[in-house]
Amino acid sequence: MAENHTYRVIVRATFDGLTDGARERLLAEVAEHEGIAGMRFGPEGSLAYDRGLKAFSMRYVVESDPDDGEEMAGALAEEKAEAYLKERGYGHGELRSTVTDMDTMKINRKSRR
């Protein structure tokens, strides 16, 4: 059995069909989710959006068997995002994810001259 890989997953979508109450909650918390504050990767995820309440992104760290591939990591993150959004009553469009395998990512270091 292969050792798990660590994946960074960004899940994106647009808000859709937000109730007045959901809009109020999102706007009341916008400072916590705008810009860099909402762009942390973690197992619990972080939500980022702006005052326009149009699009949002969620960032997750997912550990998964590399044999399952990036598709599984994306699916796991999308499931977490779906549960988070549903629990809070935040309507949304189709979720799309971008996955980076941190264990295979090449880091280009600048050489000293």
PDB file of N, CA and C in Angstrom:
ATOM      1  N   MET A   1       0.844  -1.183   0.000  1.00  0.00           N
ATOM      2  CA  MET A   1       0.000   0.000   0.000  1.00  0.00           C
ATOM      3  C   MET A   1       0.887   1.244   0.000  1.00  0.00           C
ATOM      4  N   ALA A   2       0.587   2.168  -0.869  1.00  0.00           N
ATOM      5  CA  ALA A   2       1.367   3.392  -0.990  1.00  0.00           C
ATOM      6  C   ALA A   2       1.033   4.342   0.154  1.00  0.00           C
ATOM      7  N   GLU A   3       2.024   5.141   0.521  1.00  0.00           N
ATOM      8  CA  GLU A   3       1.808   6.156   1.538  1.00  0.00           C
ATOM      9  C   GLU A   3       0.931   7.266   0.957  1.00  0.00           C
ATOM     10  N   ASN A   4       0.078   7.845   1.783  1.00  0.00           N
ATOM     11  CA  ASN A   4      -0.811   8.905   1.309  1.00  0.00           C
ATOM     12  C   ASN A   4      -0.036  10.112   0.798  1.00  0.00           C
ATOM     13  N   HIS A   5      -0.596  10.778  -0.189  1.00  0.00           N
ATOM     14  CA  HIS A   5      -0.069  12.033  -0.678  1.00  0.00           C
ATOM     15  C   HIS A   5      -0.925  13.160  -0.112  1.00  0.00           C
ATOM     16  N   THR A   6      -0.339  14.321  -0.048  1.00  0.00           N
ATOM     17  CA  THR A   6      -1.042  15.516   0.398  1.00  0.00           C
ATOM     18  C   THR A   6      -1.411  16.340  -0.827  1.00  0.00           C
ATOM     19  N   TYR A   7      -2.683  16.665  -0.933  1.00  0.00           N
ATOM     20  CA  TYR A   7      -3.187  17.438  -2.069  1.00  0.00           C
ATOM     21  C   TYR A   7      -3.751  18.762  -1.568  1.00  0.00           C
ATOM     22  N   ARG A   8      -3.486  19.815  -2.309  1.00  0.00           N
ATOM     23  CA  ARG A   8      -4.148  21.096  -2.080  1.00  0.00           C
ATOM     24  C   ARG A   8      -5.227  21.211  -3.142  1.00  0.00           C
ATOM     25  N   VAL A   9      -6.441  21.452  -2.686  1.00  0.00           N
ATOM     26  CA  VAL A   9      -7.584  21.492  -3.596  1.00  0.00           C
ATOM     27  C   VAL A   9      -8.305  22.828  -3.442  1.00  0.00           C
ATOM     28  N   ILE A  10      -8.543  23.480  -4.577  1.00  0.00           N
ATOM     29  CA  ILE A  10      -9.359  24.695  -4.600  1.00  0.00           C
ATOM     30  C   ILE A  10     -10.683  24.331  -5.271  1.00  0.00           C
ATOM     31  N   VAL A  11     -11.765  24.521  -4.545  1.00  0.00           N
ATOM     32  CA  VAL A  11     -13.113  24.263  -5.052  1.00  0.00           C
ATOM     33  C   VAL A  11     -13.743  25.626  -5.338  1.00  0.00           C
ATOM     34  N   ARG A  12     -14.241  25.800  -6.562  1.00  0.00           N
ATOM     35  CA  ARG A  12     -14.835  27.080  -6.971  1.00  0.00           C
ATOM     36  C   ARG A  12     -16.269  26.884  -7.443  1.00  0.00           C
ATOM     37  N   ALA A  13     -17.054  27.946  -7.280  1.00  0.00           N
ATOM     38  CA  ALA A  13     -18.427  27.970  -7.797  1.00  0.00           C
ATOM     39  C   ALA A  13     -18.957  29.388  -7.649  1.00  0.00           C
ATOM     40  N   THR A  14     -20.217  29.557  -8.007  1.00  0.00           N
ATOM     41  CA  THR A  14     -20.898  30.826  -7.792  1.00  0.00           C
ATOM     42  C   THR A  14     -22.024  30.601  -6.799  1.00  0.00           C
ATOM     43  N   PHE A  15     -22.316  31.640  -6.023  1.00  0.00           N
ATOM     44  CA  PHE A  15     -23.483  31.576  -5.160  1.00  0.00           C
ATOM     45  C   PHE A  15     -24.717  31.612  -6.044  1.00  0.00           C
ATOM     46  N   ASP A  16     -25.769  30.895  -5.644  1.00  0.00           N
ATOM     47  CA  ASP A  16     -26.986  30.853  -6.438  1.00  0.00           C
ATOM     48  C   ASP A  16     -28.168  30.631  -5.499  1.00  0.00           C
ATOM     49  N   GLY A  17     -29.194  31.446  -5.656  1.00  0.00           N
ATOM     50  CA  GLY A  17     -30.411  31.258  -4.867  1.00  0.00           C
ATOM     51  C   GLY A  17     -30.222  31.507  -3.387  1.00  0.00           C
ATOM     52  N   LEU A  18     -29.384  32.472  -3.025  1.00  0.00           N
ATOM     53  CA  LEU A  18     -29.185  32.773  -1.609  1.00  0.00           C
ATOM     54  C   LEU A  18     -30.446  33.403  -1.021  1.00  0.00           C
ATOM     55  N   THR A  19     -30.814  32.963   0.154  1.00  0.00           N
ATOM     56  CA  THR A  19     -31.935  33.590   0.863  1.00  0.00           C
ATOM     57  C   THR A  19     -31.456  34.918   1.435  1.00  0.00           C
ATOM     58  N   ASP A  20     -32.392  35.751   1.848  1.00  0.00           N
ATOM     59  CA  ASP A  20     -32.026  37.023   2.469  1.00  0.00           C
ATOM     60  C   ASP A  20     -31.192  36.781   3.726  1.00  0.00           C
ATOM     61  N   GLY A  21     -31.560  35.764   4.508  1.00  0.00           N
ATOM     62  CA  GLY A  21     -30.815  35.441   5.726  1.00  0.00           C
ATOM     63  C   GLY A  21     -29.391  35.007   5.427  1.00  0.00           C
ATOM     64  N   ALA A  22     -29.215  34.188   4.393  1.00  0.00           N
ATOM     65  CA  ALA A  22     -27.875  33.731   4.013  1.00  0.00           C
ATOM     66  C   ALA A  22     -27.035  34.913   3.538  1.00  0.00           C
ATOM     67  N   ARG A  23     -27.628  35.801   2.765  1.00  0.00           N
ATOM     68  CA  ARG A  23     -26.923  37.010   2.303  1.00  0.00           C
ATOM     69  C   ARG A  23     -26.463  37.852   3.490  1.00  0.00           C
ATOM     70  N   GLU A  24     -27.355  38.038   4.442  1.00  0.00           N
ATOM     71  CA  GLU A  24     -27.015  38.836   5.632  1.00  0.00           C
ATOM     72  C   GLU A  24     -25.848  38.217   6.393  1.00  0.00           C
ATOM     73  N   ARG A  25     -25.875  36.899   6.588  1.00  0.00           N
ATOM     74  CA  ARG A  25     -24.791  36.216   7.309  1.00  0.00           C
ATOM     75  C   ARG A  25     -23.471  36.354   6.559  1.00  0.00           C
ATOM     76  N   LEU A  26     -23.523  36.132   5.237  1.00  0.00           N
ATOM     77  CA  LEU A  26     -22.296  36.236   4.436  1.00  0.00           C
ATOM     78  C   LEU A  26     -21.730  37.652   4.479  1.00  0.00           C
ATOM     79  N   LEU A  27     -22.580  38.649   4.345  1.00  0.00           N
ATOM     80  CA  LEU A  27     -22.103  40.036   4.368  1.00  0.00           C
ATOM     81  C   LEU A  27     -21.585  40.432   5.749  1.00  0.00           C
ATOM     82  N   ALA A  28     -22.189  39.891   6.797  1.00  0.00           N
ATOM     83  CA  ALA A  28     -21.734  40.193   8.158  1.00  0.00           C
ATOM     84  C   ALA A  28     -20.339  39.626   8.416  1.00  0.00           C
ATOM     85  N   GLU A  29     -19.979  38.555   7.700  1.00  0.00           N
ATOM     86  CA  GLU A  29     -18.686  37.890   7.911  1.00  0.00           C
ATOM     87  C   GLU A  29     -17.693  38.138   6.780  1.00  0.00           C
ATOM     88  N   VAL A  30     -18.010  39.031   5.847  1.00  0.00           N
ATOM     89  CA  VAL A  30     -17.186  39.196   4.650  1.00  0.00           C
ATOM     90  C   VAL A  30     -15.740  39.547   4.979  1.00  0.00           C
ATOM     91  N   ALA A  31     -15.491  40.333   6.020  1.00  0.00           N
ATOM     92  CA  ALA A  31     -14.124  40.727   6.366  1.00  0.00           C
ATOM     93  C   ALA A  31     -13.255  39.514   6.710  1.00  0.00           C
ATOM     94  N   GLU A  32     -13.860  38.475   7.251  1.00  0.00           N
ATOM     95  CA  GLU A  32     -13.125  37.261   7.615  1.00  0.00           C
ATOM     96  C   GLU A  32     -12.813  36.386   6.407  1.00  0.00           C
ATOM     97  N   HIS A  33     -13.489  36.620   5.283  1.00  0.00           N
ATOM     98  CA  HIS A  33     -13.384  35.739   4.125  1.00  0.00           C
ATOM     99  C   HIS A  33     -12.860  36.429   2.872  1.00  0.00           C
ATOM    100  N   GLU A  34     -12.592  37.714   2.968  1.00  0.00           N
ATOM    101  CA  GLU A  34     -12.148  38.497   1.824  1.00  0.00           C
ATOM    102  C   GLU A  34     -10.627  38.460   1.727  1.00  0.00           C
ATOM    103  N   GLY A  35     -10.102  38.413   0.528  1.00  0.00           N
ATOM    104  CA  GLY A  35      -8.661  38.501   0.310  1.00  0.00           C
ATOM    105  C   GLY A  35      -7.883  37.356   0.921  1.00  0.00           C
ATOM    106  N   ILE A  36      -6.727  37.665   1.432  1.00  0.00           N
ATOM    107  CA  ILE A  36      -5.791  36.665   1.971  1.00  0.00           C
ATOM    108  C   ILE A  36      -6.400  35.896   3.139  1.00  0.00           C
ATOM    109  N   ALA A  37      -7.234  36.532   3.930  1.00  0.00           N
ATOM    110  CA  ALA A  37      -7.808  35.886   5.112  1.00  0.00           C
ATOM    111  C   ALA A  37      -8.541  34.600   4.766  1.00  0.00           C
ATOM    112  N   GLY A  38      -9.202  34.556   3.620  1.00  0.00           N
ATOM    113  CA  GLY A  38      -9.965  33.381   3.245  1.00  0.00           C
ATOM    114  C   GLY A  38      -9.196  32.382   2.416  1.00  0.00           C
ATOM    115  N   MET A  39      -7.904  32.603   2.221  1.00  0.00           N
ATOM    116  CA  MET A  39      -7.138  31.764   1.307  1.00  0.00           C
ATOM    117  C   MET A  39      -6.192  30.790   1.997  1.00  0.00           C
ATOM    118  N   ARG A  40      -6.553  30.305   3.147  1.00  0.00           N
ATOM    119  CA  ARG A  40      -5.725  29.325   3.850  1.00  0.00           C
ATOM    120  C   ARG A  40      -6.147  27.914   3.450  1.00  0.00           C
ATOM    121  N   PHE A  41      -5.156  27.054   3.279  1.00  0.00           N
ATOM    122  CA  PHE A  41      -5.438  25.648   3.021  1.00  0.00           C
ATOM    123  C   PHE A  41      -5.433  24.906   4.346  1.00  0.00           C
ATOM    124  N   GLY A  42      -6.404  24.021   4.543  1.00  0.00           N
ATOM    125  CA  GLY A  42      -6.446  23.214   5.749  1.00  0.00           C
ATOM    126  C   GLY A  42      -7.447  22.088   5.575  1.00  0.00           C
ATOM    127  N   PRO A  43      -7.391  21.091   6.435  1.00  0.00           N
ATOM    128  CA  PRO A  43      -8.317  19.963   6.335  1.00  0.00           C
ATOM    129  C   PRO A  43      -9.777  20.386   6.504  1.00  0.00           C
ATOM    130  N   GLU A  44     -10.010  21.422   7.318  1.00  0.00           N
ATOM    131  CA  GLU A  44     -11.374  21.887   7.549  1.00  0.00           C
ATOM    132  C   GLU A  44     -11.863  22.812   6.445  1.00  0.00           C
ATOM    133  N   GLY A  45     -10.943  23.300   5.630  1.00  0.00           N
ATOM    134  CA  GLY A  45     -11.302  24.180   4.515  1.00  0.00           C
ATOM    135  C   GLY A  45     -11.436  25.620   4.938  1.00  0.00           C
ATOM    136  N   SER A  46     -11.334  26.512   3.981  1.00  0.00           N
ATOM    137  CA  SER A  46     -11.564  27.927   4.229  1.00  0.00           C
ATOM    138  C   SER A  46     -12.329  28.503   3.044  1.00  0.00           C
ATOM    139  N   LEU A  47     -13.259  29.376   3.352  1.00  0.00           N
ATOM    140  CA  LEU A  47     -14.137  29.974   2.357  1.00  0.00           C
ATOM    141  C   LEU A  47     -13.657  31.386   2.055  1.00  0.00           C
ATOM    142  N   ALA A  48     -13.541  31.725   0.760  1.00  0.00           N
ATOM    143  CA  ALA A  48     -13.154  33.073   0.343  1.00  0.00           C
ATOM    144  C   ALA A  48     -14.191  33.614  -0.636  1.00  0.00           C
ATOM    145  N   TYR A  49     -14.619  34.855  -0.397  1.00  0.00           N
ATOM    146  CA  TYR A  49     -15.569  35.526  -1.286  1.00  0.00           C
ATOM    147  C   TYR A  49     -15.469  37.017  -1.027  1.00  0.00           C
ATOM    148  N   ASP A  50     -16.151  37.812  -1.844  1.00  0.00           N
ATOM    149  CA  ASP A  50     -16.145  39.260  -1.633  1.00  0.00           C
ATOM    150  C   ASP A  50     -17.575  39.778  -1.489  1.00  0.00           C
ATOM    151  N   ARG A  51     -17.705  41.075  -1.282  1.00  0.00           N
ATOM    152  CA  ARG A  51     -19.007  41.699  -1.032  1.00  0.00           C
ATOM    153  C   ARG A  51     -20.026  41.497  -2.136  1.00  0.00           C
ATOM    154  N   GLY A  52     -19.573  41.251  -3.345  1.00  0.00           N
ATOM    155  CA  GLY A  52     -20.496  41.057  -4.457  1.00  0.00           C
ATOM    156  C   GLY A  52     -21.311  39.780  -4.348  1.00  0.00           C
ATOM    157  N   LEU A  53     -20.841  38.833  -3.533  1.00  0.00           N
ATOM    158  CA  LEU A  53     -21.514  37.539  -3.321  1.00  0.00           C
ATOM    159  C   LEU A  53     -21.847  36.844  -4.636  1.00  0.00           C
ATOM    160  N   LYS A  54     -20.925  36.928  -5.582  1.00  0.00           N
ATOM    161  CA  LYS A  54     -21.123  36.244  -6.856  1.00  0.00           C
ATOM    162  C   LYS A  54     -20.401  34.897  -6.821  1.00  0.00           C
ATOM    163  N   ALA A  55     -19.084  34.937  -6.853  1.00  0.00           N
ATOM    164  CA  ALA A  55     -18.279  33.711  -6.867  1.00  0.00           C
ATOM    165  C   ALA A  55     -17.597  33.507  -5.515  1.00  0.00           C
ATOM    166  N   PHE A  56     -17.214  32.262  -5.259  1.00  0.00           N
ATOM    167  CA  PHE A  56     -16.475  31.944  -4.040  1.00  0.00           C
ATOM    168  C   PHE A  56     -15.497  30.821  -4.340  1.00  0.00           C
ATOM    169  N   SER A  57     -14.549  30.645  -3.437  1.00  0.00           N
ATOM    170  CA  SER A  57     -13.655  29.493  -3.508  1.00  0.00           C
ATOM    171  C   SER A  57     -13.461  28.960  -2.100  1.00  0.00           C
ATOM    172  N   MET A  58     -13.151  27.670  -2.051  1.00  0.00           N
ATOM    173  CA  MET A  58     -12.851  27.013  -0.784  1.00  0.00           C
ATOM    174  C   MET A  58     -11.548  26.260  -0.975  1.00  0.00           C
ATOM    175  N   ARG A  59     -10.685  26.317   0.032  1.00  0.00           N
ATOM    176  CA  ARG A  59      -9.373  25.684  -0.065  1.00  0.00           C
ATOM    177  C   ARG A  59      -9.250  24.593   0.988  1.00  0.00           C
ATOM    178  N   TYR A  60      -8.821  23.429   0.531  1.00  0.00           N
ATOM    179  CA  TYR A  60      -8.700  22.261   1.400  1.00  0.00           C
ATOM    180  C   TYR A  60      -7.339  21.610   1.244  1.00  0.00           C
ATOM    181  N   VAL A  61      -6.899  20.943   2.305  1.00  0.00           N
ATOM    182  CA  VAL A  61      -5.794  19.999   2.246  1.00  0.00           C
ATOM    183  C   VAL A  61      -6.429  18.634   2.416  1.00  0.00           C
ATOM    184  N   VAL A  62      -6.167  17.736   1.464  1.00  0.00           N
ATOM    185  CA  VAL A  62      -6.743  16.391   1.483  1.00  0.00           C
ATOM    186  C   VAL A  62      -5.596  15.389   1.417  1.00  0.00           C
ATOM    187  N   GLU A  63      -5.625  14.406   2.294  1.00  0.00           N
ATOM    188  CA  GLU A  63      -4.652  13.313   2.218  1.00  0.00           C
ATOM    189  C   GLU A  63      -5.368  12.113   1.632  1.00  0.00           C
ATOM    190  N   SER A  64      -4.743  11.520   0.604  1.00  0.00           N
ATOM    191  CA  SER A  64      -5.390  10.427  -0.106  1.00  0.00           C
ATOM    192  C   SER A  64      -4.330   9.520  -0.712  1.00  0.00           C
ATOM    193  N   ASP A  65      -4.721   8.299  -0.981  1.00  0.00           N
ATOM    194  CA  ASP A  65      -3.841   7.327  -1.625  1.00  0.00           C
ATOM    195  C   ASP A  65      -3.509   7.820  -3.032  1.00  0.00           C
ATOM    196  N   PRO A  66      -2.222   7.903  -3.384  1.00  0.00           N
ATOM    197  CA  PRO A  66      -1.867   8.398  -4.712  1.00  0.00           C
ATOM    198  C   PRO A  66      -2.390   7.505  -5.838  1.00  0.00           C
ATOM    199  N   ASP A  67      -2.673   6.237  -5.542  1.00  0.00           N
ATOM    200  CA  ASP A  67      -3.233   5.351  -6.560  1.00  0.00           C
ATOM    201  C   ASP A  67      -4.640   5.782  -6.967  1.00  0.00           C
ATOM    202  N   ASP A  68      -5.324   6.504  -6.056  1.00  0.00           N
ATOM    203  CA  ASP A  68      -6.666   6.997  -6.374  1.00  0.00           C
ATOM    204  C   ASP A  68      -6.617   8.256  -7.231  1.00  0.00           C
ATOM    205  N   GLY A  69      -5.463   8.887  -7.285  1.00  0.00           N
ATOM    206  CA  GLY A  69      -5.263  10.039  -8.153  1.00  0.00           C
ATOM    207  C   GLY A  69      -5.867  11.332  -7.645  1.00  0.00           C
ATOM    208  N   GLU A  70      -5.597  12.359  -8.428  1.00  0.00           N
ATOM    209  CA  GLU A  70      -6.072  13.697  -8.094  1.00  0.00           C
ATOM    210  C   GLU A  70      -7.593  13.786  -8.156  1.00  0.00           C
ATOM    211  N   GLU A  71      -8.216  12.946  -8.986  1.00  0.00           N
ATOM    212  CA  GLU A  71      -9.669  12.980  -9.109  1.00  0.00           C
ATOM    213  C   GLU A  71     -10.332  12.672  -7.765  1.00  0.00           C
ATOM    214  N   MET A  72      -9.791  11.705  -7.036  1.00  0.00           N
ATOM    215  CA  MET A  72     -10.357  11.342  -5.735  1.00  0.00           C
ATOM    216  C   MET A  72     -10.179  12.491  -4.751  1.00  0.00           C
ATOM    217  N   ALA A  73      -9.016  13.115  -4.735  1.00  0.00           N
ATOM    218  CA  ALA A  73      -8.784  14.246  -3.831  1.00  0.00           C
ATOM    219  C   ALA A  73      -9.770  15.368  -4.138  1.00  0.00           C
ATOM    220  N   GLY A  74      -9.998  15.637  -5.412  1.00  0.00           N
ATOM    221  CA  GLY A  74     -10.957  16.658  -5.809  1.00  0.00           C
ATOM    222  C   GLY A  74     -12.366  16.306  -5.366  1.00  0.00           C
ATOM    223  N   ALA A  75     -12.739  15.047  -5.543  1.00  0.00           N
ATOM    224  CA  ALA A  75     -14.079  14.593  -5.156  1.00  0.00           C
ATOM    225  C   ALA A  75     -14.278  14.701  -3.641  1.00  0.00           C
ATOM    226  N   LEU A  76     -13.247  14.334  -2.873  1.00  0.00           N
ATOM    227  CA  LEU A  76     -13.341  14.427  -1.412  1.00  0.00           C
ATOM    228  C   LEU A  76     -13.514  15.876  -0.970  1.00  0.00           C
ATOM    229  N   ALA A  77     -12.762  16.788  -1.574  1.00  0.00           N
ATOM    230  CA  ALA A  77     -12.874  18.205  -1.231  1.00  0.00           C
ATOM    231  C   ALA A  77     -14.243  18.754  -1.628  1.00  0.00           C
ATOM    232  N   GLU A  78     -14.730  18.346  -2.787  1.00  0.00           N
ATOM    233  CA  GLU A  78     -16.051  18.813  -3.218  1.00  0.00           C
ATOM    234  C   GLU A  78     -17.145  18.311  -2.285  1.00  0.00           C
ATOM    235  N   GLU A  79     -17.016  17.089  -1.779  1.00  0.00           N
ATOM    236  CA  GLU A  79     -17.983  16.569  -0.802  1.00  0.00           C
ATOM    237  C   GLU A  79     -17.970  17.407   0.468  1.00  0.00           C
ATOM    238  N   LYS A  80     -16.764  17.754   0.937  1.00  0.00           N
ATOM    239  CA  LYS A  80     -16.654  18.591   2.135  1.00  0.00           C
ATOM    240  C   LYS A  80     -17.274  19.963   1.890  1.00  0.00           C
ATOM    241  N   ALA A  81     -16.988  20.539   0.729  1.00  0.00           N
ATOM    242  CA  ALA A  81     -17.538  21.852   0.395  1.00  0.00           C
ATOM    243  C   ALA A  81     -19.056  21.796   0.331  1.00  0.00           C
ATOM    244  N   GLU A  82     -19.576  20.775  -0.311  1.00  0.00           N
ATOM    245  CA  GLU A  82     -21.031  20.606  -0.438  1.00  0.00           C
ATOM    246  C   GLU A  82     -21.681  20.533   0.939  1.00  0.00           C
ATOM    247  N   ALA A  83     -21.104  19.763   1.846  1.00  0.00           N
ATOM    248  CA  ALA A  83     -21.657  19.625   3.196  1.00  0.00           C
ATOM    249  C   ALA A  83     -21.607  20.963   3.946  1.00  0.00           C
ATOM    250  N   TYR A  84     -20.493  21.671   3.834  1.00  0.00           N
ATOM    251  CA  TYR A  84     -20.329  22.969   4.490  1.00  0.00           C
ATOM    252  C   TYR A  84     -21.396  23.950   4.002  1.00  0.00           C
ATOM    253  N   LEU A  85     -21.543  24.053   2.690  1.00  0.00           N
ATOM    254  CA  LEU A  85     -22.492  24.994   2.098  1.00  0.00           C
ATOM    255  C   LEU A  85     -23.936  24.629   2.436  1.00  0.00           C
ATOM    256  N   LYS A  86     -24.250  23.346   2.382  1.00  0.00           N
ATOM    257  CA  LYS A  86     -25.614  22.887   2.684  1.00  0.00           C
ATOM    258  C   LYS A  86     -25.972  23.161   4.142  1.00  0.00           C
ATOM    259  N   GLU A  87     -25.019  22.879   5.042  1.00  0.00           N
ATOM    260  CA  GLU A  87     -25.250  23.090   6.474  1.00  0.00           C
ATOM    261  C   GLU A  87     -25.596  24.544   6.773  1.00  0.00           C
ATOM    262  N   ARG A  88     -25.025  25.459   6.010  1.00  0.00           N
ATOM    263  CA  ARG A  88     -25.246  26.890   6.234  1.00  0.00           C
ATOM    264  C   ARG A  88     -26.350  27.480   5.354  1.00  0.00           C
ATOM    265  N   GLY A  89     -26.888  26.669   4.463  1.00  0.00           N
ATOM    266  CA  GLY A  89     -27.955  27.151   3.598  1.00  0.00           C
ATOM    267  C   GLY A  89     -27.482  28.077   2.494  1.00  0.00           C
ATOM    268  N   TYR A  90     -26.230  27.892   2.052  1.00  0.00           N
ATOM    269  CA  TYR A  90     -25.668  28.720   0.987  1.00  0.00           C
ATOM    270  C   TYR A  90     -25.864  28.027  -0.356  1.00  0.00           C
ATOM    271  N   GLY A  91     -26.833  28.500  -1.138  1.00  0.00           N
ATOM    272  CA  GLY A  91     -27.070  27.938  -2.458  1.00  0.00           C
ATOM    273  C   GLY A  91     -25.904  28.243  -3.388  1.00  0.00           C
ATOM    274  N   HIS A  92     -25.658  27.326  -4.329  1.00  0.00           N
ATOM    275  CA  HIS A  92     -24.495  27.490  -5.198  1.00  0.00           C
ATOM    276  C   HIS A  92     -24.709  26.776  -6.521  1.00  0.00           C
ATOM    277  N   GLY A  93     -23.886  27.156  -7.485  1.00  0.00           N
ATOM    278  CA  GLY A  93     -23.869  26.479  -8.775  1.00  0.00           C
ATOM    279  C   GLY A  93     -22.965  25.262  -8.716  1.00  0.00           C
ATOM    280  N   GLU A  94     -22.603  24.754  -9.886  1.00  0.00           N
ATOM    281  CA  GLU A  94     -21.773  23.554  -9.987  1.00  0.00           C
ATOM    282  C   GLU A  94     -20.382  23.782  -9.388  1.00  0.00           C
ATOM    283  N   LEU A  95     -19.952  22.838  -8.551  1.00  0.00           N
ATOM    284  CA  LEU A  95     -18.625  22.910  -7.946  1.00  0.00           C
ATOM    285  C   LEU A  95     -17.579  22.384  -8.924  1.00  0.00           C
ATOM    286  N   ARG A  96     -16.458  23.097  -9.025  1.00  0.00           N
ATOM    287  CA  ARG A  96     -15.323  22.685  -9.860  1.00  0.00           C
ATOM    288  C   ARG A  96     -14.077  22.727  -8.990  1.00  0.00           C
ATOM    289  N   SER A  97     -13.190  21.779  -9.176  1.00  0.00           N
ATOM    290  CA  SER A  97     -11.995  21.770  -8.329  1.00  0.00           C
ATOM    291  C   SER A  97     -10.714  21.720  -9.159  1.00  0.00           C
ATOM    292  N   THR A  98      -9.682  22.301  -8.577  1.00  0.00           N
ATOM    293  CA  THR A  98      -8.325  22.262  -9.115  1.00  0.00           C
ATOM    294  C   THR A  98      -7.464  21.612  -8.042  1.00  0.00           C
ATOM    295  N   VAL A  99      -6.686  20.596  -8.434  1.00  0.00           N
ATOM    296  CA  VAL A  99      -5.938  19.798  -7.459  1.00  0.00           C
ATOM    297  C   VAL A  99      -4.449  19.875  -7.750  1.00  0.00           C
ATOM    298  N   THR A 100      -3.651  20.035  -6.688  1.00  0.00           N
ATOM    299  CA  THR A 100      -2.200  20.006  -6.795  1.00  0.00           C
ATOM    300  C   THR A 100      -1.674  18.943  -5.833  1.00  0.00           C
ATOM    301  N   ASP A 101      -0.916  17.986  -6.354  1.00  0.00           N
ATOM    302  CA  ASP A 101      -0.288  16.957  -5.524  1.00  0.00           C
ATOM    303  C   ASP A 101       1.008  17.554  -4.978  1.00  0.00           C
ATOM    304  N   MET A 102       1.024  17.849  -3.700  1.00  0.00           N
ATOM    305  CA  MET A 102       2.174  18.511  -3.084  1.00  0.00           C
ATOM    306  C   MET A 102       3.396  17.597  -3.016  1.00  0.00           C
ATOM    307  N   ASP A 103       3.186  16.289  -3.090  1.00  0.00           N
ATOM    308  CA  ASP A 103       4.308  15.345  -3.005  1.00  0.00           C
ATOM    309  C   ASP A 103       5.031  15.179  -4.331  1.00  0.00           C
ATOM    310  N   THR A 104       4.411  15.568  -5.421  1.00  0.00           N
ATOM    311  CA  THR A 104       5.069  15.434  -6.722  1.00  0.00           C
ATOM    312  C   THR A 104       5.363  16.797  -7.354  1.00  0.00           C
ATOM    313  N   MET A 105       4.981  17.860  -6.674  1.00  0.00           N
ATOM    314  CA  MET A 105       5.191  19.201  -7.199  1.00  0.00           C
ATOM    315  C   MET A 105       6.685  19.516  -7.221  1.00  0.00           C
ATOM    316  N   LYS A 106       7.134  20.006  -8.347  1.00  0.00           N
ATOM    317  CA  LYS A 106       8.539  20.357  -8.490  1.00  0.00           C
ATOM    318  C   LYS A 106       8.726  21.792  -8.033  1.00  0.00           C
ATOM    319  N   ILE A 107       9.746  22.006  -7.223  1.00  0.00           N
ATOM    320  CA  ILE A 107      10.064  23.345  -6.749  1.00  0.00           C
ATOM    321  C   ILE A 107      11.315  23.808  -7.473  1.00  0.00           C
ATOM    322  N   ASN A 108      11.188  24.883  -8.186  1.00  0.00           N
ATOM    323  CA  ASN A 108      12.335  25.471  -8.885  1.00  0.00           C
ATOM    324  C   ASN A 108      13.022  26.452  -7.952  1.00  0.00           C
ATOM    325  N   ARG A 109      14.243  26.150  -7.613  1.00  0.00           N
ATOM    326  CA  ARG A 109      15.011  27.027  -6.742  1.00  0.00           C
ATOM    327  C   ARG A 109      15.961  27.857  -7.591  1.00  0.00           C
ATOM    328  N   LYS A 110      16.078  29.127  -7.258  1.00  0.00           N
ATOM    329  CA  LYS A 110      17.004  29.991  -7.993  1.00  0.00           C
ATOM    330  C   LYS A 110      18.424  29.636  -7.576  1.00  0.00           C
ATOM    331  N   SER A 111      19.256  29.503  -8.567  1.00  0.00           N
ATOM    332  CA  SER A 111      20.651  29.183  -8.248  1.00  0.00           C
ATOM    333  C   SER A 111      21.414  30.460  -7.930  1.00  0.00           C
ATOM    334  N   ARG A 112      22.411  30.316  -7.076  1.00  0.00           N
ATOM    335  CA  ARG A 112      23.254  31.456  -6.735  1.00  0.00           C
ATOM    336  C   ARG A 112      24.348  31.589  -7.761  1.00  0.00           C
ATOM    337  N   ARG A 113      24.602  32.769  -8.184  1.00  0.00           N
ATOM    338  CA  ARG A 113      25.661  33.008  -9.182  1.00  0.00           C
ATOM    339  C   ARG A 113      26.797  33.770  -8.603  1.00  0.00           C
TER     340      ARG A 113
END
